[in-house]
Amino acid sequence: MIYREIEAKPELFSMALQIAESGFLRGCDAIQLGCALLVERTLMQFSTNRLIFVAADNELLNAAVHYGLQVDNPLFHL
């Protein structure tokens, strides 16, 4: 597992705003998904590996799937 810190740049807030305006998510969830989408975009430039977006919030996971991310819910592995 790799953890990466994402700097809060205007691109992140722009992406989060687009997600929020689409009606899928609000506030912090839109920022969290925006971060994942930026990491996925960067990852795909350098590797064929895909990001797996992990959350226990089905609404957030559904939005992530809508935006093309692979997802996993840790509650399914108890």
Protein backbone atom coordinates (compact mmCIF):
# COMPACT_ATOMS: atom_id res chain seq x y z
CA MET A 1 0.00 0.00 0.00
CA ILE A 2 1.31 3.44 -0.89
CA TYR A 3 0.26 6.65 0.79
CA ARG A 4 0.75 9.96 -0.95
CA GLU A 5 0.26 13.47 0.35
CA ILE A 6 -1.59 15.72 -2.09
CA GLU A 7 -0.96 19.45 -2.03
CA ALA A 8 -4.14 21.52 -2.01
CA LYS A 9 -3.76 23.34 -5.32
CA PRO A 10 -6.40 25.18 -7.36
CA GLU A 11 -6.71 22.15 -9.68
CA LEU A 12 -7.89 20.02 -6.73
CA PHE A 13 -10.51 22.54 -5.65
CA SER A 14 -11.69 22.99 -9.24
CA MET A 15 -12.14 19.24 -9.60
CA ALA A 16 -13.92 18.98 -6.24
CA LEU A 17 -16.24 21.82 -7.24
CA GLN A 18 -17.12 20.05 -10.49
CA ILE A 19 -17.88 16.85 -8.53
CA ALA A 20 -20.03 18.76 -6.03
CA GLU A 21 -21.87 20.64 -8.78
CA SER A 22 -22.61 17.35 -10.54
CA GLY A 23 -24.74 16.46 -7.52
CA PHE A 24 -22.83 13.30 -6.65
CA LEU A 25 -21.11 14.49 -3.46
CA ARG A 26 -20.69 17.44 -1.14
CA GLY A 27 -17.76 19.08 0.62
CA CYS A 28 -15.07 16.82 2.02
CA ASP A 29 -16.22 13.79 0.03
CA ALA A 30 -15.83 15.75 -3.21
CA ILE A 31 -12.31 16.79 -2.16
CA GLN A 32 -11.44 13.19 -1.25
CA LEU A 33 -12.64 11.93 -4.64
CA GLY A 34 -10.90 14.81 -6.41
CA CYS A 35 -7.61 13.80 -4.76
CA ALA A 36 -8.07 10.22 -5.88
CA LEU A 37 -8.79 11.29 -9.45
CA LEU A 38 -5.64 13.44 -9.54
CA VAL A 39 -3.54 10.58 -8.16
CA GLU A 40 -5.06 8.17 -10.69
CA ARG A 41 -4.27 10.57 -13.54
CA THR A 42 -0.65 10.90 -12.39
CA LEU A 43 -0.29 7.16 -11.79
CA MET A 44 -1.51 6.33 -15.29
CA GLN A 45 1.19 8.58 -16.78
CA PHE A 46 3.95 6.46 -15.27
CA SER A 47 2.49 2.98 -14.83
CA THR A 48 -0.18 0.56 -15.97
CA ASN A 49 -1.17 0.02 -12.31
CA ARG A 50 -4.52 1.44 -11.32
CA LEU A 51 -5.47 3.19 -8.11
CA ILE A 52 -7.96 1.31 -5.95
CA PHE A 53 -10.16 3.79 -4.12
CA VAL A 54 -11.05 2.41 -0.68
CA ALA A 55 -13.94 3.74 1.40
CA ALA A 56 -16.73 2.40 3.58
CA ASP A 57 -19.20 4.97 2.23
CA ASN A 58 -21.31 3.52 -0.58
CA GLU A 59 -22.35 6.96 -1.88
CA LEU A 60 -18.69 7.93 -2.19
CA LEU A 61 -17.82 4.59 -3.82
CA ASN A 62 -20.66 4.94 -6.34
CA ALA A 63 -19.41 8.39 -7.31
CA ALA A 64 -15.86 7.02 -7.66
CA VAL A 65 -17.13 4.28 -10.00
CA HIS A 66 -18.99 6.92 -12.01
CA TYR A 67 -15.69 8.75 -12.49
CA GLY A 68 -13.96 5.55 -13.62
CA LEU A 69 -12.06 4.48 -10.50
CA GLN A 70 -11.71 0.93 -9.28
CA VAL A 71 -13.11 0.68 -5.75
CA ASP A 72 -13.17 -1.52 -2.69
CA ASN A 73 -15.18 -1.40 0.52
CA PRO A 74 -13.30 -2.78 3.55
CA LEU A 75 -16.59 -3.70 5.20
CA PHE A 76 -16.99 -6.44 2.59
CA HIS A 77 -13.88 -8.17 3.97
CA LEU A 78 -14.84 -8.57 7.62
